[in-house]
Structure formats: structure tokens, C-alpha cells
């Protein structure tokens, strides 16, 4: 009986539907990060009234969450590295 060797790859084979699906996801994550950074940069530091101001940490927390998601996606990291934009992960 002939044995068939099957290899599993971490990333899909380039050009396949799975590859393009993952590539679109990576670009969507990068776009989400860019948007989160933009929102954070426009957000006020404090919200509420002058008598009772509260720190507006939501936009900063959101950037950290999206950065973590990008760090966990190898294709997103590869894309940012190729574009020389890894600084988005520390912005």
C-alpha cells in the first residue's frame, strides 16, 4: 500500500482562496488599527463636566486591543514589516 504524505502549513498556499481570505483579514486588521489610532489622536483626554471630569481611556484601550490582535496575525505582521510600518504597533 502506498503512503501519502500530507503536510500542513501555518499559512495557506499563495494564490489560493484561503490565502486571499487571510490576506483580506490582515489588511482589515491593519485598517482597524489605523482607524483606532486616528480616533485616539482626536479624542479628548477628559470627558464629563468641568466639575467632575473623567479620564477618557476608551480610545487608548481600543488601540492596545487592536495592536494585540495585529501582533497575533502573522500575515498582518508580515504586511506591516514589508511596508516598513511596524511603528503602528507601538503608536
Protein backbone atom coordinates (compact mmCIF):
# COMPACT_ATOMS: atom_id res chain seq x y z
CA UNK A 1 0.00 0.00 0.00
CA UNK A 2 1.31 3.41 -0.96
CA UNK A 3 1.69 6.01 1.76
CA UNK A 4 0.66 9.57 1.03
CA UNK A 5 2.46 12.31 2.86
CA UNK A 6 0.34 15.28 3.90
CA UNK A 7 1.93 18.46 5.15
CA UNK A 8 0.07 21.20 6.91
CA UNK A 9 1.29 24.75 6.61
CA UNK A 10 0.77 27.56 9.06
CA UNK A 11 -0.06 29.96 6.27
CA UNK A 12 -2.11 28.93 3.26
CA UNK A 13 -0.52 28.44 -0.12
CA UNK A 14 -0.17 31.72 -2.00
CA UNK A 15 -2.88 32.32 -4.56
CA UNK A 16 -5.47 30.02 -3.00
CA UNK A 17 -8.85 31.22 -1.78
CA UNK A 18 -7.76 30.63 1.82
CA UNK A 19 -4.66 32.77 1.27
CA UNK A 20 -6.67 35.69 -0.11
CA UNK A 21 -9.21 35.36 2.70
CA UNK A 22 -6.46 35.59 5.29
CA UNK A 23 -4.76 38.43 3.39
CA UNK A 24 -8.04 40.42 3.37
CA UNK A 25 -8.39 39.80 7.11
CA UNK A 26 -4.83 41.04 7.68
CA UNK A 27 -5.49 44.23 5.72
CA UNK A 28 -8.78 44.74 7.58
CA UNK A 29 -6.93 44.43 10.90
CA UNK A 30 -4.35 46.97 9.78
CA UNK A 31 -7.11 49.33 8.68
CA UNK A 32 -8.87 48.89 12.04
CA UNK A 33 -5.63 49.77 13.79
CA UNK A 34 -5.15 52.87 11.67
CA UNK A 35 -8.72 53.97 12.41
CA UNK A 36 -8.35 53.30 16.14
CA UNK A 37 -5.15 55.37 16.23
CA UNK A 38 -6.86 58.20 14.35
CA UNK A 39 -9.83 58.17 16.76
CA UNK A 40 -7.50 58.07 19.75
CA UNK A 41 -5.48 61.02 18.44
CA UNK A 42 -8.66 63.08 18.03
CA UNK A 43 -10.24 62.05 21.35
CA UNK A 44 -10.29 64.38 24.34
CA UNK A 45 -8.23 63.35 27.37
CA UNK A 46 -11.13 64.03 29.70
CA UNK A 47 -14.91 63.79 29.34
CA UNK A 48 -17.74 64.90 31.56
CA UNK A 49 -18.34 68.21 33.20
CA UNK A 50 -15.72 70.65 34.45
CA UNK A 51 -16.84 69.85 37.99
CA UNK A 52 -16.50 66.09 37.54
CA UNK A 53 -14.03 65.24 34.75
CA UNK A 54 -13.28 61.61 33.95
CA UNK A 55 -10.29 60.24 32.07
CA UNK A 56 -11.25 59.12 28.59
CA UNK A 57 -9.24 55.87 28.44
CA UNK A 58 -11.53 54.08 25.97
CA UNK A 59 -9.73 55.13 22.78
CA UNK A 60 -6.33 54.21 24.24
CA UNK A 61 -7.61 50.82 25.39
CA UNK A 62 -9.08 50.19 21.93
CA UNK A 63 -5.72 50.87 20.24
CA UNK A 64 -4.00 48.43 22.61
CA UNK A 65 -6.61 45.74 21.89
CA UNK A 66 -6.28 46.11 18.12
CA UNK A 67 -2.47 46.16 18.35
CA UNK A 68 -2.62 42.85 20.24
CA UNK A 69 -4.85 41.36 17.54
CA UNK A 70 -2.45 42.51 14.81
CA UNK A 71 0.52 41.03 16.69
CA UNK A 72 -1.27 37.66 16.71
CA UNK A 73 -1.82 37.68 12.94
CA UNK A 74 1.33 36.58 11.05
CA UNK A 75 0.14 37.96 7.72
CA UNK A 76 -0.64 41.36 9.24
CA UNK A 77 2.82 41.46 10.81
CA UNK A 78 4.40 40.41 7.51
CA UNK A 79 2.48 43.15 5.69
CA UNK A 80 3.44 45.86 8.18
CA UNK A 81 7.08 44.75 8.06
CA UNK A 82 7.08 44.81 4.24
CA UNK A 83 5.57 48.29 4.30
CA UNK A 84 8.05 49.40 6.99
CA UNK A 85 5.13 50.40 9.24
CA UNK A 86 5.77 48.26 12.34
CA UNK A 87 5.73 51.52 14.31
CA UNK A 88 1.92 51.25 14.24
CA UNK A 89 2.30 48.52 16.86
CA UNK A 90 3.88 50.96 19.28
CA UNK A 91 1.92 54.09 18.35
